PDB file of all heavy atoms in Angstrom:
ATOM      1  N   LEU A   1       4.151 -38.597 -55.866  1.00  0.00           N
ATOM      2  CA  LEU A   1       5.551 -38.828 -55.479  1.00  0.00           C
ATOM      3  C   LEU A   1       5.890 -38.065 -54.202  1.00  0.00           C
ATOM      4  O   LEU A   1       7.040 -37.988 -53.801  1.00  0.00           O
ATOM      5  CB  LEU A   1       6.489 -38.396 -56.616  1.00  0.00           C
ATOM      6  CG  LEU A   1       6.364 -39.186 -57.923  1.00  0.00           C
ATOM      7  CD1 LEU A   1       7.287 -38.618 -58.987  1.00  0.00           C
ATOM      8  CD2 LEU A   1       6.655 -40.656 -57.702  1.00  0.00           C
ATOM      9  N   GLY A   2       4.854 -37.506 -53.556  1.00  0.00           N
ATOM     10  CA  GLY A   2       5.074 -36.686 -52.365  1.00  0.00           C
ATOM     11  C   GLY A   2       5.256 -35.229 -52.790  1.00  0.00           C
ATOM     12  O   GLY A   2       5.600 -34.931 -53.930  1.00  0.00           O
ATOM     13  N   GLY A   3       4.981 -34.306 -51.853  1.00  0.00           N
ATOM     14  CA  GLY A   3       5.224 -32.890 -52.136  1.00  0.00           C
ATOM     15  C   GLY A   3       4.040 -32.133 -52.711  1.00  0.00           C
ATOM     16  O   GLY A   3       4.132 -30.938 -52.934  1.00  0.00           O
ATOM     17  N   GLU A   4       2.923 -32.832 -52.977  1.00  0.00           N
ATOM     18  CA  GLU A   4       1.723 -32.149 -53.454  1.00  0.00           C
ATOM     19  C   GLU A   4       0.577 -32.417 -52.481  1.00  0.00           C
ATOM     20  O   GLU A   4       0.590 -33.426 -51.778  1.00  0.00           O
ATOM     21  CB  GLU A   4       1.321 -32.656 -54.848  1.00  0.00           C
ATOM     22  CG  GLU A   4       2.238 -32.205 -55.965  1.00  0.00           C
ATOM     23  CD  GLU A   4       1.778 -32.727 -57.325  1.00  0.00           C
ATOM     24  OE1 GLU A   4       0.565 -32.995 -57.485  1.00  0.00           O
ATOM     25  OE2 GLU A   4       2.629 -32.868 -58.211  1.00  0.00           O
ATOM     26  N   PRO A   5      -0.410 -31.513 -52.438  1.00  0.00           N
ATOM     27  CA  PRO A   5      -1.512 -31.715 -51.481  1.00  0.00           C
ATOM     28  C   PRO A   5      -2.402 -32.918 -51.820  1.00  0.00           C
ATOM     29  O   PRO A   5      -3.038 -33.474 -50.938  1.00  0.00           O
ATOM     30  CB  PRO A   5      -2.308 -30.410 -51.566  1.00  0.00           C
ATOM     31  CG  PRO A   5      -1.937 -29.790 -52.876  1.00  0.00           C
ATOM     32  CD  PRO A   5      -0.527 -30.220 -53.151  1.00  0.00           C
ATOM     33  N   ILE A   6      -2.464 -33.309 -53.102  1.00  0.00           N
ATOM     34  CA  ILE A   6      -3.271 -34.477 -53.456  1.00  0.00           C
ATOM     35  C   ILE A   6      -2.432 -35.730 -53.228  1.00  0.00           C
ATOM     36  O   ILE A   6      -1.342 -35.880 -53.774  1.00  0.00           O
ATOM     37  CB  ILE A   6      -3.752 -34.402 -54.915  1.00  0.00           C
ATOM     38  CG1 ILE A   6      -4.737 -33.230 -55.067  1.00  0.00           C
ATOM     39  CG2 ILE A   6      -4.429 -35.712 -55.322  1.00  0.00           C
ATOM     40  CD1 ILE A   6      -5.268 -33.028 -56.465  1.00  0.00           C
ATOM     41  N   GLN A   7      -2.963 -36.622 -52.386  1.00  0.00           N
ATOM     42  CA  GLN A   7      -2.235 -37.824 -52.000  1.00  0.00           C
ATOM     43  C   GLN A   7      -3.045 -39.066 -52.372  1.00  0.00           C
ATOM     44  O   GLN A   7      -4.278 -39.056 -52.355  1.00  0.00           O
ATOM     45  CB  GLN A   7      -1.961 -37.811 -50.497  1.00  0.00           C
ATOM     46  CG  GLN A   7      -1.099 -36.632 -50.069  1.00  0.00           C
ATOM     47  CD  GLN A   7      -1.035 -36.469 -48.564  1.00  0.00           C
ATOM     48  OE1 GLN A   7      -1.864 -37.021 -47.835  1.00  0.00           O
ATOM     49  NE2 GLN A   7      -0.067 -35.707 -48.100  1.00  0.00           N
ATOM     50  N   GLY A   8      -2.327 -40.130 -52.688  1.00  0.00           N
ATOM     51  CA  GLY A   8      -2.982 -41.379 -53.046  1.00  0.00           C
ATOM     52  C   GLY A   8      -3.951 -41.857 -51.982  1.00  0.00           C
ATOM     53  O   GLY A   8      -5.011 -42.413 -52.291  1.00  0.00           O
ATOM     54  N   SER A   9      -3.611 -41.613 -50.719  1.00  0.00           N
ATOM     55  CA  SER A   9      -4.439 -42.109 -49.608  1.00  0.00           C
ATOM     56  C   SER A   9      -5.844 -41.518 -49.621  1.00  0.00           C
ATOM     57  O   SER A   9      -6.775 -42.111 -49.074  1.00  0.00           O
ATOM     58  CB  SER A   9      -3.762 -41.796 -48.273  1.00  0.00           C
ATOM     59  OG  SER A   9      -3.524 -40.411 -48.149  1.00  0.00           O
ATOM     60  N   GLN A  10      -6.017 -40.360 -50.259  1.00  0.00           N
ATOM     61  CA  GLN A  10      -7.345 -39.740 -50.322  1.00  0.00           C
ATOM     62  C   GLN A  10      -8.314 -40.574 -51.176  1.00  0.00           C
ATOM     63  O   GLN A  10      -9.519 -40.345 -51.140  1.00  0.00           O
ATOM     64  CB  GLN A  10      -7.221 -38.320 -50.897  1.00  0.00           C
ATOM     65  CG  GLN A  10      -6.443 -37.374 -49.981  1.00  0.00           C
ATOM     66  CD  GLN A  10      -5.927 -36.137 -50.708  1.00  0.00           C
ATOM     67  OE1 GLN A  10      -6.243 -35.902 -51.879  1.00  0.00           O
ATOM     68  NE2 GLN A  10      -5.113 -35.330 -50.028  1.00  0.00           N
ATOM     69  N   TYR A  11      -7.774 -41.535 -51.921  1.00  0.00           N
ATOM     70  CA  TYR A  11      -8.584 -42.329 -52.838  1.00  0.00           C
ATOM     71  C   TYR A  11      -8.787 -43.760 -52.359  1.00  0.00           C
ATOM     72  O   TYR A  11      -9.436 -44.556 -53.041  1.00  0.00           O
ATOM     73  CB  TYR A  11      -7.935 -42.328 -54.236  1.00  0.00           C
ATOM     74  CG  TYR A  11      -7.972 -40.968 -54.889  1.00  0.00           C
ATOM     75  CD1 TYR A  11      -7.037 -39.992 -54.559  1.00  0.00           C
ATOM     76  CD2 TYR A  11      -8.975 -40.633 -55.796  1.00  0.00           C
ATOM     77  CE1 TYR A  11      -7.078 -38.725 -55.137  1.00  0.00           C
ATOM     78  CE2 TYR A  11      -9.035 -39.377 -56.369  1.00  0.00           C
ATOM     79  CZ  TYR A  11      -8.081 -38.430 -56.039  1.00  0.00           C
ATOM     80  OH  TYR A  11      -8.142 -37.177 -56.599  1.00  0.00           O
ATOM     81  N   PHE A  12      -8.248 -44.111 -51.191  1.00  0.00           N
ATOM     82  CA  PHE A  12      -8.340 -45.493 -50.703  1.00  0.00           C
ATOM     83  C   PHE A  12      -9.780 -45.949 -50.521  1.00  0.00           C
ATOM     84  O   PHE A  12     -10.082 -47.133 -50.623  1.00  0.00           O
ATOM     85  CB  PHE A  12      -7.602 -45.657 -49.365  1.00  0.00           C
ATOM     86  CG  PHE A  12      -6.095 -45.604 -49.459  1.00  0.00           C
ATOM     87  CD1 PHE A  12      -5.335 -45.493 -48.312  1.00  0.00           C
ATOM     88  CD2 PHE A  12      -5.448 -45.672 -50.683  1.00  0.00           C
ATOM     89  CE1 PHE A  12      -3.949 -45.448 -48.370  1.00  0.00           C
ATOM     90  CE2 PHE A  12      -4.062 -45.620 -50.758  1.00  0.00           C
ATOM     91  CZ  PHE A  12      -3.305 -45.512 -49.599  1.00  0.00           C
ATOM     92  N   GLY A  13     -10.692 -45.016 -50.242  1.00  0.00           N
ATOM     93  CA  GLY A  13     -12.089 -45.394 -50.031  1.00  0.00           C
ATOM     94  C   GLY A  13     -12.750 -45.973 -51.266  1.00  0.00           C
ATOM     95  O   GLY A  13     -13.773 -46.652 -51.170  1.00  0.00           O
ATOM     96  N   ASN A  14     -12.157 -45.726 -52.441  1.00  0.00           N
ATOM     97  CA  ASN A  14     -12.764 -46.175 -53.700  1.00  0.00           C
ATOM     98  C   ASN A  14     -12.152 -47.455 -54.261  1.00  0.00           C
ATOM     99  O   ASN A  14     -12.749 -48.102 -55.114  1.00  0.00           O
ATOM    100  CB  ASN A  14     -12.630 -45.080 -54.764  1.00  0.00           C
ATOM    101  CG  ASN A  14     -13.405 -43.835 -54.409  1.00  0.00           C
ATOM    102  OD1 ASN A  14     -14.472 -43.922 -53.815  1.00  0.00           O
ATOM    103  ND2 ASN A  14     -12.866 -42.673 -54.755  1.00  0.00           N
ATOM    104  N   GLY A  15     -10.946 -47.805 -53.836  1.00  0.00           N
ATOM    105  CA  GLY A  15     -10.263 -48.958 -54.407  1.00  0.00           C
ATOM    106  C   GLY A  15      -8.764 -48.791 -54.276  1.00  0.00           C
ATOM    107  O   GLY A  15      -8.287 -47.946 -53.524  1.00  0.00           O
ATOM    108  N   ARG A  16      -8.019 -49.593 -54.996  1.00  0.00           N
ATOM    109  CA  ARG A  16      -6.560 -49.494 -54.957  1.00  0.00           C
ATOM    110  C   ARG A  16      -6.082 -48.257 -55.700  1.00  0.00           C
ATOM    111  O   ARG A  16      -6.829 -47.641 -56.467  1.00  0.00           O
ATOM    112  CB  ARG A  16      -5.906 -50.743 -55.558  1.00  0.00           C
ATOM    113  CG  ARG A  16      -6.069 -51.987 -54.692  1.00  0.00           C
ATOM    114  CD  ARG A  16      -5.116 -53.083 -55.142  1.00  0.00           C
ATOM    115  NE  ARG A  16      -5.396 -54.329 -54.458  1.00  0.00           N
ATOM    116  CZ  ARG A  16      -4.497 -55.031 -53.756  1.00  0.00           C
ATOM    117  NH1 ARG A  16      -3.245 -54.605 -53.659  1.00  0.00           N
ATOM    118  NH2 ARG A  16      -4.829 -56.157 -53.170  1.00  0.00           N
ATOM    119  N   VAL A  17      -4.810 -47.931 -55.493  1.00  0.00           N
ATOM    120  CA  VAL A  17      -4.204 -46.753 -56.108  1.00  0.00           C
ATOM    121  C   VAL A  17      -2.861 -47.166 -56.715  1.00  0.00           C
ATOM    122  O   VAL A  17      -2.135 -47.996 -56.147  1.00  0.00           O
ATOM    123  CB  VAL A  17      -4.016 -45.628 -55.061  1.00  0.00           C
ATOM    124  CG1 VAL A  17      -3.290 -44.438 -55.661  1.00  0.00           C
ATOM    125  CG2 VAL A  17      -5.377 -45.190 -54.500  1.00  0.00           C
ATOM    126  N   THR A  18      -2.536 -46.596 -57.855  1.00  0.00           N
ATOM    127  CA  THR A  18      -1.250 -46.877 -58.498  1.00  0.00           C
ATOM    128  C   THR A  18      -0.118 -46.266 -57.663  1.00  0.00           C
ATOM    129  O   THR A  18      -0.132 -45.068 -57.386  1.00  0.00           O
ATOM    130  CB  THR A  18      -1.229 -46.266 -59.908  1.00  0.00           C
ATOM    131  OG1 THR A  18      -1.643 -44.895 -59.824  1.00  0.00           O
ATOM    132  CG2 THR A  18      -2.151 -47.013 -60.841  1.00  0.00           C
ATOM    133  N   GLU A  19       0.876 -47.075 -57.273  1.00  0.00           N
ATOM    134  CA  GLU A  19       1.990 -46.603 -56.439  1.00  0.00           C
ATOM    135  C   GLU A  19       3.160 -46.224 -57.353  1.00  0.00           C
ATOM    136  O   GLU A  19       3.999 -47.054 -57.700  1.00  0.00           O
ATOM    137  CB  GLU A  19       2.390 -47.684 -55.421  1.00  0.00           C
ATOM    138  CG  GLU A  19       3.549 -47.316 -54.516  1.00  0.00           C
ATOM    139  CD  GLU A  19       3.393 -45.966 -53.817  1.00  0.00           C
ATOM    140  OE1 GLU A  19       3.691 -44.928 -54.465  1.00  0.00           O
ATOM    141  OE2 GLU A  19       2.994 -45.952 -52.645  1.00  0.00           O
ATOM    142  N   PHE A  20       3.176 -44.943 -57.747  1.00  0.00           N
ATOM    143  CA  PHE A  20       4.199 -44.476 -58.685  1.00  0.00           C
ATOM    144  C   PHE A  20       5.591 -44.408 -58.064  1.00  0.00           C
ATOM    145  O   PHE A  20       6.597 -44.422 -58.785  1.00  0.00           O
ATOM    146  CB  PHE A  20       3.806 -43.113 -59.264  1.00  0.00           C
ATOM    147  CG  PHE A  20       2.884 -43.212 -60.451  1.00  0.00           C
ATOM    148  CD1 PHE A  20       1.514 -43.301 -60.271  1.00  0.00           C
ATOM    149  CD2 PHE A  20       3.384 -43.238 -61.745  1.00  0.00           C
ATOM    150  CE1 PHE A  20       0.664 -43.407 -61.364  1.00  0.00           C
ATOM    151  CE2 PHE A  20       2.542 -43.340 -62.836  1.00  0.00           C
ATOM    152  CZ  PHE A  20       1.181 -43.422 -62.647  1.00  0.00           C
ATOM    153  N   LYS A  21       5.658 -44.321 -56.731  1.00  0.00           N
ATOM    154  CA  LYS A  21       6.982 -44.274 -56.094  1.00  0.00           C
ATOM    155  C   LYS A  21       7.727 -45.595 -56.294  1.00  0.00           C
ATOM    156  O   LYS A  21       8.960 -45.635 -56.274  1.00  0.00           O
ATOM    157  CB  LYS A  21       6.848 -43.966 -54.591  1.00  0.00           C
ATOM    158  CG  LYS A  21       6.351 -42.556 -54.299  1.00  0.00           C
ATOM    159  CD  LYS A  21       6.465 -42.199 -52.833  1.00  0.00           C
ATOM    160  CE  LYS A  21       5.392 -42.809 -51.972  1.00  0.00           C
ATOM    161  NZ  LYS A  21       4.061 -42.186 -52.154  1.00  0.00           N
ATOM    162  N   TYR A  22       6.980 -46.684 -56.505  1.00  0.00           N
ATOM    163  CA  TYR A  22       7.567 -48.022 -56.603  1.00  0.00           C
ATOM    164  C   TYR A  22       8.587 -48.112 -57.736  1.00  0.00           C
ATOM    165  O   TYR A  22       9.757 -48.440 -57.524  1.00  0.00           O
ATOM    166  CB  TYR A  22       6.436 -49.037 -56.811  1.00  0.00           C
ATOM    167  CG  TYR A  22       6.842 -50.491 -56.660  1.00  0.00           C
ATOM    168  CD1 TYR A  22       6.564 -51.183 -55.487  1.00  0.00           C
ATOM    169  CD2 TYR A  22       7.468 -51.181 -57.685  1.00  0.00           C
ATOM    170  CE1 TYR A  22       6.907 -52.522 -55.342  1.00  0.00           C
ATOM    171  CE2 TYR A  22       7.824 -52.516 -57.553  1.00  0.00           C
ATOM    172  CZ  TYR A  22       7.536 -53.184 -56.380  1.00  0.00           C
ATOM    173  OH  TYR A  22       7.889 -54.498 -56.236  1.00  0.00           O
ATOM    174  N   GLY A  23       8.165 -47.834 -58.954  1.00  0.00           N
ATOM    175  CA  GLY A  23       9.063 -47.943 -60.102  1.00  0.00           C
ATOM    176  C   GLY A  23      10.168 -46.915 -60.078  1.00  0.00           C
ATOM    177  O   GLY A  23      11.303 -47.200 -60.484  1.00  0.00           O
ATOM    178  N   ALA A  24       9.835 -45.698 -59.593  1.00  0.00           N
ATOM    179  CA  ALA A  24      10.842 -44.642 -59.536  1.00  0.00           C
ATOM    180  C   ALA A  24      11.972 -45.009 -58.577  1.00  0.00           C
ATOM    181  O   ALA A  24      13.160 -44.851 -58.883  1.00  0.00           O
ATOM    182  CB  ALA A  24      10.194 -43.324 -59.121  1.00  0.00           C
ATOM    183  N   LYS A  25      11.609 -45.515 -57.402  1.00  0.00           N
ATOM    184  CA  LYS A  25      12.618 -45.884 -56.387  1.00  0.00           C
ATOM    185  C   LYS A  25      13.376 -47.145 -56.796  1.00  0.00           C
ATOM    186  O   LYS A  25      14.594 -47.228 -56.635  1.00  0.00           O
ATOM    187  CB  LYS A  25      11.950 -46.101 -55.033  1.00  0.00           C
ATOM    188  CG  LYS A  25      11.289 -44.868 -54.443  1.00  0.00           C
ATOM    189  CD  LYS A  25      12.303 -43.911 -53.879  1.00  0.00           C
ATOM    190  CE  LYS A  25      11.618 -42.795 -53.098  1.00  0.00           C
ATOM    191  NZ  LYS A  25      12.599 -41.775 -52.661  1.00  0.00           N
ATOM    192  N   LEU A  26      12.649 -48.149 -57.310  1.00  0.00           N
ATOM    193  CA  LEU A  26      13.304 -49.405 -57.682  1.00  0.00           C
ATOM    194  C   LEU A  26      14.302 -49.168 -58.820  1.00  0.00           C
ATOM    195  O   LEU A  26      15.402 -49.733 -58.828  1.00  0.00           O
ATOM    196  CB  LEU A  26      12.268 -50.457 -58.080  1.00  0.00           C
ATOM    197  CG  LEU A  26      12.795 -51.882 -58.284  1.00  0.00           C
ATOM    198  CD1 LEU A  26      13.507 -52.406 -57.039  1.00  0.00           C
ATOM    199  CD2 LEU A  26      11.658 -52.824 -58.673  1.00  0.00           C
ATOM    200  N   GLY A  27      13.926 -48.306 -59.760  1.00  0.00           N
ATOM    201  CA  GLY A  27      14.842 -47.965 -60.852  1.00  0.00           C
ATOM    202  C   GLY A  27      16.104 -47.298 -60.334  1.00  0.00           C
ATOM    203  O   GLY A  27      17.219 -47.605 -60.778  1.00  0.00           O
ATOM    204  N   THR A  28      15.949 -46.389 -59.384  1.00  0.00           N
ATOM    205  CA  THR A  28      17.106 -45.702 -58.801  1.00  0.00           C
ATOM    206  C   THR A  28      18.035 -46.698 -58.108  1.00  0.00           C
ATOM    207  O   THR A  28      19.259 -46.617 -58.238  1.00  0.00           O
ATOM    208  CB  THR A  28      16.628 -44.634 -57.795  1.00  0.00           C
ATOM    209  OG1 THR A  28      15.784 -43.704 -58.477  1.00  0.00           O
ATOM    210  CG2 THR A  28      17.798 -43.873 -57.200  1.00  0.00           C
TER     211      THR A  28
END
């Protein structure tokens, strides 16, 4: 969700990544 050193982009080399910001923002 941002704010931590581990980022989804670090995993793009292996495949897709779950975008947790999507549901959190859409719900808001």
